[in-house]
Amino acid sequence: MAATGDGGSLLAISDLHVGHPENRTIVEGLRPRTPQDWLLVAGDVGDTVAEVEWALRLLADRFARVVWSPGNHELWTPPADPVTLRGAARYAHLVELCRGLGVVTPEDPYPVWAGPGGPVTVAPLLLLYDHSWRPDGFDTPEAALAEAYRTGIVCTDEVLLHPDPYESRSAWCAARVAETARRLAERDPALPTVLMNHWPLVREVTRVLRYPIFAQWCGTEATADWHVRFDATAVVYGHLHIPRTSWHDGVRFEEVSVGYPREWRSRGVPPGRLRRILPQPEGVPPTAW
């Protein structure tokens, strides 16, 4: 896949949730800063196939390249969506939709960003979660899930995200982790990476959750060392709806979500700011914004 030219920036955003009219307006206002800009979209574009297609089509028409990783919302099968595909079949349908729009997916060859801050291999991922990020005192996924139901902190995935044809979302996660690790190991070892996954790769970033028990739907211990193992210069993720920059083993992690209107209205900055991943911003980045 062709690399970019010498100019531009590698930008990122996630959790657009365009089913909310206010968020759709935000997406309508997103623009590249230069004609060479790439945009990384780290999942949760929308709940229905039509919402995902609308947003990615608009963005693909504006940015030099759009790279997408799915979130849990794209993988839902909502009752109101005329597309009733479930699990891996739904994901495959979205991949083909993206290819028709010219959007790079986790199933495509990893593109190389050769602009400022590069060259780097940009790797969009789909890894899911396996309930291994359990709260203290709960030794099994079953016990942690039971506690979540007892407290009422339960992810909607339990109803709408089907793992077909896998026996569970954890089994689907294991398959995705194994296949993705193989592909990352086969990349050009001379280039560092930008890893993008909707769910965070390290559990540390979930410690800021208001309800820590929700972490069991946020990732897997299997990726705890991937930012080092696969030579990441930056890791991009969303899902938590807590946009912030953090550092782990000297690697910059960027949570780039917009979130729901009730969330972004309370922040002190305008919603929908594109986060610059490369070239790396000068100075010490904020821990949250």
Protein backbone atom coordinates (compact mmCIF):
# COMPACT_ATOMS: atom_id res chain seq x y z
CA MET A 1 0.00 0.00 0.00
CA ALA A 2 1.38 3.37 -0.95
CA ALA A 3 2.89 5.67 1.64
CA THR A 4 1.96 9.30 2.14
CA GLY A 5 4.00 12.25 0.90
CA ASP A 6 6.30 14.47 2.90
CA GLY A 7 3.73 16.76 4.54
CA GLY A 8 0.64 16.46 6.67
CA SER A 9 -0.16 14.96 10.05
CA LEU A 10 -1.36 11.63 11.34
CA LEU A 11 -4.53 12.55 13.25
CA ALA A 12 -6.91 10.46 15.36
CA ILE A 13 -10.38 10.40 16.85
CA SER A 14 -12.82 7.76 18.12
CA ASP A 15 -16.22 7.15 19.68
CA LEU A 16 -18.05 9.44 17.29
CA HIS A 17 -21.45 7.89 18.11
CA VAL A 18 -23.13 9.60 15.19
CA GLY A 19 -26.56 8.32 16.18
CA HIS A 20 -26.65 11.38 18.44
CA PRO A 21 -27.56 14.45 16.36
CA GLU A 22 -25.05 16.63 18.23
CA ASN A 23 -22.27 14.17 17.44
CA ARG A 24 -23.29 13.98 13.80
CA THR A 25 -22.87 17.75 13.64
CA ILE A 26 -19.38 17.38 15.11
CA VAL A 27 -18.42 14.86 12.44
CA GLU A 28 -19.81 17.11 9.70
CA GLY A 29 -17.37 19.75 10.93
CA LEU A 30 -14.23 17.59 10.88
CA ARG A 31 -11.69 18.75 8.32
CA PRO A 32 -8.05 17.92 7.55
CA ARG A 33 -5.46 20.56 8.32
CA THR A 34 -3.56 19.85 5.10
CA PRO A 35 -4.36 17.79 1.99
CA GLN A 36 -1.84 15.16 3.15
CA ASP A 37 -3.48 14.44 6.52
CA TRP A 38 -4.44 10.90 7.46
CA LEU A 39 -7.20 10.17 9.97
CA LEU A 40 -7.22 7.21 12.37
CA VAL A 41 -10.74 6.32 13.56
CA ALA A 42 -10.55 4.05 16.61
CA GLY A 43 -14.04 2.63 16.63
CA ASP A 44 -17.57 3.29 17.83
CA VAL A 45 -18.47 5.35 14.80
CA GLY A 46 -22.11 4.35 15.16
CA ASP A 47 -24.51 1.58 16.12
CA THR A 48 -25.94 0.71 12.70
CA VAL A 49 -24.28 -0.12 9.42
CA ALA A 50 -25.91 2.94 7.83
CA GLU A 51 -24.44 5.25 10.49
CA VAL A 52 -20.97 3.78 10.02
CA GLU A 53 -21.19 4.11 6.25
CA TRP A 54 -22.38 7.72 6.40
CA ALA A 55 -19.55 8.84 8.68
CA LEU A 56 -16.70 6.93 7.03
CA ARG A 57 -17.81 7.98 3.55
CA LEU A 58 -17.79 11.64 4.59
CA LEU A 59 -14.36 11.35 6.21
CA ALA A 60 -12.85 9.32 3.37
CA ASP A 61 -13.87 12.07 0.95
CA ARG A 62 -11.99 14.66 3.03
CA PHE A 63 -8.80 13.02 4.30
CA ALA A 64 -5.93 11.63 2.25
CA ARG A 65 -6.44 8.29 3.98
CA VAL A 66 -8.80 7.00 6.66
CA VAL A 67 -7.81 4.01 8.80
CA TRP A 68 -10.52 2.34 10.90
CA SER A 69 -10.62 -0.12 13.77
CA PRO A 70 -14.07 -1.30 14.88
CA GLY A 71 -15.41 -0.79 18.36
CA ASN A 72 -18.02 -2.74 20.23
CA HIS A 73 -20.84 -0.54 18.90
CA GLU A 74 -20.05 -1.40 15.27
CA LEU A 75 -20.16 -5.07 16.22
CA TRP A 76 -23.57 -4.82 17.91
CA THR A 77 -26.65 -6.19 16.16
CA PRO A 78 -29.29 -3.64 17.22
CA PRO A 79 -32.92 -4.73 16.73
CA ALA A 80 -33.63 -1.61 14.65
CA ASP A 81 -30.81 -2.20 12.16
CA PRO A 82 -32.03 -3.77 8.90
CA VAL A 83 -28.61 -5.48 8.68
CA THR A 84 -29.12 -8.44 10.98
CA LEU A 85 -25.69 -10.05 10.61
CA ARG A 86 -24.02 -11.10 13.84
CA GLY A 87 -20.50 -11.49 15.14
CA ALA A 88 -17.71 -12.24 12.67
CA ALA A 89 -20.13 -12.06 9.73
CA ARG A 90 -21.12 -8.53 10.70
CA TYR A 91 -17.49 -7.53 10.99
CA ALA A 92 -16.73 -9.02 7.56
CA HIS A 93 -19.63 -7.03 6.10
CA LEU A 94 -18.21 -3.81 7.57
CA VAL A 95 -14.76 -4.63 6.21
CA GLU A 96 -16.15 -4.95 2.69
CA LEU A 97 -18.10 -1.71 3.12
CA CYS A 98 -14.90 0.08 4.16
CA ARG A 99 -12.95 -1.32 1.25
CA GLY A 100 -15.59 0.08 -1.08
CA LEU A 101 -15.00 3.49 0.50
CA GLY A 102 -11.21 3.23 0.35
CA VAL A 103 -10.96 2.99 4.15
CA VAL A 104 -8.17 0.79 5.58
CA THR A 105 -9.33 -1.94 8.00
CA PRO A 106 -7.58 -4.44 10.29
CA GLU A 107 -7.88 -7.01 7.49
CA ASP A 108 -5.85 -5.00 4.99
CA PRO A 109 -2.07 -4.67 4.61
CA TYR A 110 -0.78 -2.24 7.21
CA PRO A 111 -0.07 1.13 5.54
CA VAL A 112 3.12 3.09 6.11
CA TRP A 113 2.95 6.71 7.21
CA ALA A 114 6.00 8.37 5.64
CA GLY A 115 5.14 11.95 6.57
CA PRO A 116 6.55 13.97 9.47
CA GLY A 117 7.44 11.70 12.37
CA GLY A 118 7.63 8.67 10.07
CA PRO A 119 8.13 6.30 8.53
CA VAL A 120 6.00 4.10 10.78
CA THR A 121 3.75 1.13 10.19
CA VAL A 122 0.16 2.03 11.07
CA ALA A 123 -1.59 -1.06 12.41
CA PRO A 124 -5.37 -0.95 12.94
CA LEU A 125 -6.41 -3.81 15.22
CA LEU A 126 -9.51 -5.70 16.33
CA LEU A 127 -8.75 -7.54 19.56
CA LEU A 128 -11.91 -7.40 21.73
CA TYR A 129 -11.67 -8.41 25.42
CA ASP A 130 -11.70 -11.58 27.50
CA HIS A 131 -12.83 -10.53 31.00
CA SER A 132 -9.27 -10.94 32.33
CA TRP A 133 -9.31 -7.38 33.76
CA ARG A 134 -11.30 -8.47 36.78
CA PRO A 135 -11.79 -6.45 39.97
CA ASP A 136 -9.69 -7.39 42.99
CA GLY A 137 -11.06 -10.33 44.90
CA PHE A 138 -12.75 -12.01 41.93
CA ASP A 139 -10.79 -14.96 40.60
CA THR A 140 -12.99 -16.04 37.71
CA PRO A 141 -14.82 -14.28 34.86
CA GLU A 142 -18.06 -15.80 36.10
CA ALA A 143 -17.64 -14.29 39.57
CA ALA A 144 -16.72 -10.89 38.17
CA LEU A 145 -19.69 -10.90 35.80
CA ALA A 146 -22.03 -11.90 38.63
CA GLU A 147 -20.76 -8.98 40.68
CA ALA A 148 -21.34 -6.63 37.75
CA TYR A 149 -24.95 -7.77 37.49
CA ARG A 150 -25.36 -7.41 41.25
CA THR A 151 -24.15 -3.80 41.13
CA GLY A 152 -25.94 -2.95 37.88
CA ILE A 153 -22.73 -2.03 36.00
CA VAL A 154 -23.14 -4.25 32.94
CA CYS A 155 -21.98 -3.52 29.39
CA THR A 156 -24.67 -3.58 26.69
CA ASP A 157 -22.38 -5.98 24.81
CA GLU A 158 -23.91 -8.74 26.95
CA VAL A 159 -27.11 -8.28 24.94
CA LEU A 160 -26.08 -6.92 21.53
CA LEU A 161 -22.52 -8.10 20.75
CA HIS A 162 -22.79 -11.68 19.53
CA PRO A 163 -19.60 -13.76 19.10
CA ASP A 164 -20.89 -16.04 16.29
CA PRO A 165 -19.41 -18.41 15.21
CA TYR A 166 -17.26 -18.45 18.36
CA GLU A 167 -18.64 -19.85 21.58
CA SER A 168 -17.95 -16.61 23.46
CA ARG A 169 -16.51 -13.13 23.04
CA SER A 170 -13.47 -14.35 25.00
CA ALA A 171 -12.91 -17.10 22.43
CA TRP A 172 -13.25 -14.58 19.60
CA CYS A 173 -10.75 -12.36 21.43
CA ALA A 174 -8.25 -15.22 21.73
CA ALA A 175 -8.49 -15.92 18.01
CA ARG A 176 -8.04 -12.25 17.15
CA VAL A 177 -5.06 -11.86 19.49
CA ALA A 178 -3.30 -14.89 18.01
CA GLU A 179 -3.83 -13.86 14.38
CA THR A 180 -2.94 -10.22 15.00
CA ALA A 181 0.24 -11.09 16.89
CA ARG A 182 1.29 -13.24 13.95
CA ARG A 183 0.71 -10.42 11.47
CA LEU A 184 2.51 -7.85 13.62
CA ALA A 185 5.49 -10.19 13.98
CA GLU A 186 5.69 -10.40 10.18
CA ARG A 187 5.75 -6.63 9.60
CA ASP A 188 8.89 -4.80 8.47
CA PRO A 189 11.05 -4.92 11.64
CA ALA A 190 12.94 -1.80 10.57
CA LEU A 191 9.88 0.40 11.17
CA PRO A 192 8.29 1.32 14.49
CA THR A 193 4.51 1.13 14.73
CA VAL A 194 1.46 3.14 15.63
CA LEU A 195 -0.96 0.62 17.11
CA MET A 196 -4.68 1.48 17.02
CA ASN A 197 -7.29 -0.60 18.81
CA HIS A 198 -10.68 0.51 20.12
CA TRP A 199 -10.07 -1.18 23.47
CA PRO A 200 -6.96 -0.13 25.42
CA LEU A 201 -3.94 -2.45 25.32
CA VAL A 202 -2.92 -1.98 28.96
CA ARG A 203 -5.08 -2.19 32.05
CA GLU A 204 -3.41 0.77 33.79
CA VAL A 205 -5.43 3.26 31.74
CA THR A 206 -8.71 1.84 33.11
CA ARG A 207 -7.80 2.80 36.69
CA VAL A 208 -9.48 6.16 36.07
CA LEU A 209 -12.88 4.59 35.39
CA ARG A 210 -15.66 5.80 37.68
CA TYR A 211 -16.82 2.18 37.93
CA PRO A 212 -13.68 -0.02 37.92
CA ILE A 213 -15.75 -3.18 37.52
CA PHE A 214 -16.44 -2.10 33.93
CA ALA A 215 -12.80 -2.85 33.06
CA GLN A 216 -13.71 -6.47 32.37
CA TRP A 217 -15.22 -5.27 29.05
CA CYS A 218 -12.20 -3.10 28.19
CA GLY A 219 -9.32 -5.34 27.11
CA THR A 220 -7.16 -8.35 27.74
CA GLU A 221 -4.00 -9.19 29.69
CA ALA A 222 -2.70 -10.79 26.49
CA THR A 223 -1.74 -7.36 25.09
CA ALA A 224 -0.02 -5.98 28.20
CA ASP A 225 3.41 -5.87 26.52
CA TRP A 226 2.43 -5.22 22.91
CA HIS A 227 3.50 -1.58 22.94
CA VAL A 228 7.04 -2.77 23.74
CA ARG A 229 6.96 -6.08 21.89
CA PHE A 230 5.87 -4.46 18.63
CA ASP A 231 7.99 -1.31 18.93
CA ALA A 232 5.15 1.20 19.21
CA THR A 233 5.95 4.89 18.97
CA ALA A 234 2.33 5.59 19.94
CA VAL A 235 -0.82 3.65 20.84
CA VAL A 236 -4.25 5.01 19.93
CA TYR A 237 -7.44 3.79 21.60
CA GLY A 238 -10.92 4.88 22.69
CA HIS A 239 -13.81 3.11 24.45
CA LEU A 240 -13.33 4.70 27.88
CA HIS A 241 -14.74 8.11 26.88
CA ILE A 242 -11.95 9.69 28.95
CA PRO A 243 -9.71 11.49 26.43
CA ARG A 244 -6.21 11.77 27.81
CA THR A 245 -2.53 11.21 27.15
CA SER A 246 -0.54 8.79 29.29
CA TRP A 247 2.88 7.15 29.10
CA HIS A 248 3.71 3.50 29.67
CA ASP A 249 7.25 2.15 29.37
CA GLY A 250 8.13 5.36 27.56
CA VAL A 251 5.38 4.88 24.95
CA ARG A 252 2.69 7.51 24.43
CA PHE A 253 -0.90 6.29 24.74
CA GLU A 254 -3.66 8.50 23.35
CA GLU A 255 -7.33 8.02 24.27
CA VAL A 256 -9.04 10.01 21.52
CA SER A 257 -12.78 9.59 22.10
CA VAL A 258 -15.52 12.16 21.58
CA GLY A 259 -18.08 10.27 23.68
CA TYR A 260 -21.73 11.01 24.30
CA PRO A 261 -23.09 14.57 24.40
CA ARG A 262 -23.75 14.35 28.13
CA GLU A 263 -20.03 13.65 28.58
CA TRP A 264 -18.38 16.14 26.23
CA ARG A 265 -20.65 18.99 27.33
CA SER A 266 -18.97 18.89 30.74
CA ARG A 267 -15.43 19.24 29.36
CA GLY A 268 -13.61 22.53 29.21
CA VAL A 269 -12.73 22.31 25.51
CA PRO A 270 -14.81 22.10 22.34
CA PRO A 271 -15.70 18.52 21.32
CA GLY A 272 -14.34 16.83 18.24
CA ARG A 273 -10.73 17.98 18.38
CA LEU A 274 -8.53 15.78 16.23
CA ARG A 275 -5.54 14.47 18.22
CA ARG A 276 -2.22 14.73 16.43
CA ILE A 277 -0.32 11.46 16.73
CA LEU A 278 2.56 12.29 14.36
CA PRO A 279 4.58 14.35 14.26
CA GLN A 280 4.58 14.13 18.03
CA PRO A 281 3.44 17.40 19.62
CA GLU A 282 6.20 19.39 21.28
CA GLY A 283 6.35 19.74 25.05
CA VAL A 284 4.64 17.65 27.70
CA PRO A 285 1.13 16.71 26.55
CA PRO A 286 -1.83 17.11 28.92
CA THR A 287 -3.00 14.12 30.93
CA ALA A 288 -6.62 14.88 30.04
CA TRP A 289 -8.66 17.34 28.03
